[in-house]
Amino acid sequence: FQPPPTSTVTTQQATAPRITPDMTMAALLQAIPSAQRALFQRYHVGGCSSCGFQPTDTLAKVCKDHNILDVNEVIKFLHASHELDAQMSVEPREVKSWLDKGENFRFIDVRPPHEIRLGAIAQAEPLDYDDSDQYMNLPKDTKIVFTCKSGARSMDVAAYFIGHGFKNVFSMKGGLDGWRAQVDPSVPNYRG
């Protein structure tokens, strides 16, 4: 993964959480919420029932169960993944300032249409799930900010785009909820 440039972005410093081989997966996922995505992307662990784990399993047990010999390598990878997520995160205030300045970037809401109808950011375009080529064919240096309800799904989409060679991709921290808290409290809230 090539992290996006951070020179024009206010990112929070990624504090490396303490991870140990005897840590339960529940504790690990609380310390690094993106760990399940990272484990699946790199090791094919935790994405489906055949490669899943229990919250009470330790990281060492999960590594052993999936024939991953070096648990310390996994810990290093999880720290690197956590740092990349921090570099991809952008505060809603920052996105608003880019919009106000008229900066050239794509602001894409990755939620499905039924969720967007419940509440949306006017400046964000809905992701067209029927035409993915329009995004994959963009120049790899296109600045793209993804958003969703809470920031979790948009982080997954941002990581996907980085995995496909895009270099200037961000996930808006807190998604619609963060936008409402930092920029526009009139944006409707909904459960979901």
Protein backbone atom coordinates (compact mmCIF):
# COMPACT_ATOMS: atom_id res chain seq x y z
CA PHE A 1 0.00 0.00 0.00
CA GLN A 2 1.16 3.47 -0.82
CA PRO A 3 -0.18 5.94 1.74
CA PRO A 4 -1.81 9.09 0.38
CA PRO A 5 0.16 12.31 0.71
CA THR A 6 -0.37 14.05 4.02
CA SER A 7 1.06 17.47 3.25
CA THR A 8 -2.32 19.13 2.67
CA VAL A 9 -4.34 17.03 5.07
CA THR A 10 -4.84 17.36 8.78
CA THR A 11 -4.55 13.81 10.06
CA GLN A 12 -4.48 12.52 13.56
CA GLN A 13 -1.24 10.91 14.59
CA ALA A 14 -1.73 7.15 14.76
CA THR A 15 -0.87 6.07 18.25
CA ALA A 16 0.32 2.52 18.06
CA PRO A 17 -1.93 0.48 20.33
CA ARG A 18 -0.24 -2.25 22.31
CA ILE A 19 -0.89 -5.62 20.68
CA THR A 20 0.29 -8.90 22.17
CA PRO A 21 -0.07 -12.50 21.00
CA ASP A 22 -2.23 -13.34 24.02
CA MET A 23 -4.68 -10.48 23.32
CA THR A 24 -8.23 -11.63 22.52
CA MET A 25 -9.64 -10.76 19.14
CA ALA A 26 -12.38 -8.73 20.87
CA ALA A 27 -9.73 -6.60 22.58
CA LEU A 28 -7.72 -6.35 19.36
CA LEU A 29 -10.74 -5.16 17.37
CA GLN A 30 -11.50 -2.60 20.06
CA ALA A 31 -7.91 -1.29 19.92
CA ILE A 32 -7.74 -1.34 16.11
CA PRO A 33 -11.25 -1.36 14.58
CA SER A 34 -9.82 -1.95 11.09
CA ALA A 35 -7.91 -5.07 12.16
CA GLN A 36 -10.50 -7.49 10.76
CA ARG A 37 -10.33 -5.84 7.32
CA ALA A 38 -6.53 -5.83 7.46
CA LEU A 39 -6.34 -9.48 8.53
CA PHE A 40 -8.67 -10.51 5.75
CA GLN A 41 -6.84 -8.50 3.08
CA ARG A 42 -3.40 -9.84 3.97
CA TYR A 43 -4.03 -13.29 5.46
CA HIS A 44 -7.60 -14.20 4.44
CA VAL A 45 -8.60 -14.35 8.11
CA GLY A 46 -11.95 -13.21 9.49
CA GLY A 47 -13.91 -12.51 6.34
CA CYS A 48 -16.22 -15.51 6.24
CA SER A 49 -17.30 -18.50 8.32
CA SER A 50 -14.53 -20.76 6.99
CA CYS A 51 -11.79 -18.29 7.93
CA GLY A 52 -13.47 -16.71 10.96
CA PHE A 53 -12.54 -16.57 14.61
CA GLN A 54 -14.24 -16.19 17.95
CA PRO A 55 -14.01 -12.94 19.95
CA THR A 56 -12.43 -14.93 22.80
CA ASP A 57 -9.70 -16.44 20.59
CA THR A 58 -6.26 -14.96 21.14
CA LEU A 59 -4.26 -13.53 18.26
CA ALA A 60 -1.76 -16.38 18.74
CA LYS A 61 -4.54 -18.97 18.44
CA VAL A 62 -5.94 -17.32 15.29
CA CYS A 63 -2.47 -17.31 13.74
CA LYS A 64 -1.95 -20.97 14.67
CA ASP A 65 -5.41 -21.98 13.38
CA HIS A 66 -4.66 -20.30 10.03
CA ASN A 67 -1.09 -21.58 9.69
CA ILE A 68 0.44 -18.13 10.10
CA LEU A 69 3.81 -18.91 11.61
CA ASP A 70 5.03 -15.46 12.64
CA VAL A 71 2.60 -13.71 15.01
CA ASN A 72 5.08 -10.82 15.39
CA GLU A 73 4.88 -10.19 11.63
CA VAL A 74 1.08 -10.02 11.98
CA ILE A 75 1.42 -7.50 14.82
CA LYS A 76 3.76 -5.33 12.69
CA PHE A 77 1.31 -5.52 9.80
CA LEU A 78 -1.61 -4.50 12.04
CA HIS A 79 0.36 -1.49 13.30
CA ALA A 80 1.18 -0.47 9.70
CA SER A 81 -2.47 -0.89 8.73
CA HIS A 82 -3.55 1.26 11.67
CA GLU A 83 -1.10 3.97 10.60
CA LEU A 84 -2.36 3.84 7.00
CA ASP A 85 -5.94 4.22 8.20
CA ALA A 86 -4.92 7.31 10.17
CA GLN A 87 -3.27 8.76 7.05
CA MET A 88 -6.40 8.09 4.98
CA SER A 89 -8.68 9.77 7.52
CA VAL A 90 -9.70 13.35 6.94
CA GLU A 91 -11.80 15.49 9.27
CA PRO A 92 -15.17 16.76 8.00
CA ARG A 93 -14.00 20.36 8.63
CA GLU A 94 -11.10 19.77 6.25
CA VAL A 95 -13.41 18.40 3.54
CA LYS A 96 -15.68 21.43 4.01
CA SER A 97 -12.69 23.76 3.57
CA TRP A 98 -11.73 21.96 0.35
CA LEU A 99 -15.29 22.42 -0.91
CA ASP A 100 -15.32 26.09 0.10
CA LYS A 101 -12.01 26.69 -1.71
CA GLY A 102 -13.33 24.98 -4.84
CA GLU A 103 -10.61 22.34 -4.80
CA ASN A 104 -10.86 19.69 -7.49
CA PHE A 105 -11.78 16.36 -5.92
CA ARG A 106 -14.51 13.73 -5.98
CA PHE A 107 -16.66 13.58 -2.85
CA ILE A 108 -18.47 10.22 -2.95
CA ASP A 109 -21.09 8.82 -0.58
CA VAL A 110 -20.75 5.02 -0.57
CA ARG A 111 -24.04 4.30 1.20
CA PRO A 112 -26.81 2.53 -0.71
CA PRO A 113 -29.60 4.73 -2.17
CA HIS A 114 -32.14 3.88 0.55
CA GLU A 115 -29.75 5.24 3.21
CA ILE A 116 -28.89 8.35 1.23
CA ARG A 117 -32.61 9.15 1.05
CA LEU A 118 -32.68 9.21 4.88
CA GLY A 119 -30.03 11.93 5.11
CA ALA A 120 -27.22 13.15 2.89
CA ILE A 121 -24.52 15.75 2.43
CA ALA A 122 -25.64 17.90 -0.48
CA GLN A 123 -22.15 18.17 -2.01
CA ALA A 124 -21.47 14.41 -1.97
CA GLU A 125 -22.31 12.40 -5.06
CA PRO A 126 -23.84 8.97 -4.52
CA LEU A 127 -21.67 6.06 -5.56
CA ASP A 128 -22.97 4.52 -8.78
CA TYR A 129 -22.90 0.82 -7.97
CA ASP A 130 -23.93 -0.05 -11.55
CA ASP A 131 -20.92 1.62 -13.20
CA SER A 132 -17.72 0.96 -11.28
CA ASP A 133 -15.62 1.62 -14.39
CA GLN A 134 -16.28 5.35 -14.09
CA TYR A 135 -14.24 5.27 -10.87
CA MET A 136 -11.64 2.64 -11.71
CA ASN A 137 -10.81 4.47 -14.95
CA LEU A 138 -10.06 7.76 -13.18
CA PRO A 139 -6.42 8.85 -13.16
CA LYS A 140 -4.69 7.17 -10.20
CA ASP A 141 -3.78 10.56 -8.69
CA THR A 142 -7.40 11.77 -8.59
CA LYS A 143 -8.24 13.17 -5.18
CA ILE A 144 -11.20 11.21 -3.82
CA VAL A 145 -12.96 11.54 -0.46
CA PHE A 146 -15.35 8.76 0.48
CA THR A 147 -18.04 9.10 3.11
CA CYS A 148 -20.76 6.92 4.65
CA LYS A 149 -22.83 7.00 7.86
CA SER A 150 -20.04 6.54 10.43
CA GLY A 151 -16.76 6.34 8.49
CA ALA A 152 -16.34 2.55 8.63
CA ARG A 153 -17.64 1.61 5.17
CA SER A 154 -15.94 4.59 3.55
CA MET A 155 -12.63 3.45 5.09
CA ASP A 156 -13.13 0.01 3.52
CA VAL A 157 -13.81 1.61 0.12
CA ALA A 158 -10.81 3.95 0.46
CA ALA A 159 -8.57 0.97 1.29
CA TYR A 160 -9.96 -0.86 -1.74
CA PHE A 161 -9.08 2.06 -4.02
CA ILE A 162 -5.58 2.32 -2.55
CA GLY A 163 -5.22 -1.41 -3.17
CA HIS A 164 -6.03 -0.67 -6.82
CA GLY A 165 -3.26 1.90 -7.17
CA PHE A 166 -5.02 5.16 -6.29
CA LYS A 167 -2.67 7.54 -4.50
CA ASN A 168 -4.82 10.41 -3.18
CA VAL A 169 -7.74 8.71 -1.44
CA PHE A 170 -9.36 9.61 1.87
CA SER A 171 -12.19 8.51 4.13
CA MET A 172 -14.08 11.24 5.94
CA LYS A 173 -13.78 10.58 9.65
CA GLY A 174 -17.15 9.97 11.28
CA GLY A 175 -18.98 10.04 7.94
CA LEU A 176 -22.39 11.71 7.95
CA ASP A 177 -22.38 11.72 11.76
CA GLY A 178 -19.05 13.57 11.77
CA TRP A 179 -20.30 16.06 9.17
CA ARG A 180 -23.36 16.76 11.29
CA ALA A 181 -21.19 17.27 14.41
CA GLN A 182 -18.50 19.44 12.80
CA VAL A 183 -20.10 21.17 9.82
CA ASP A 184 -23.89 21.05 9.45
CA PRO A 185 -26.12 20.01 12.37
CA SER A 186 -29.18 20.25 10.12
CA VAL A 187 -28.25 17.06 8.21
CA PRO A 188 -30.83 14.45 9.27
CA ASN A 189 -29.78 11.68 11.59
CA TYR A 190 -31.01 8.11 11.25
CA ARG A 191 -30.27 4.72 12.75
CA GLY A 192 -28.33 2.34 10.65
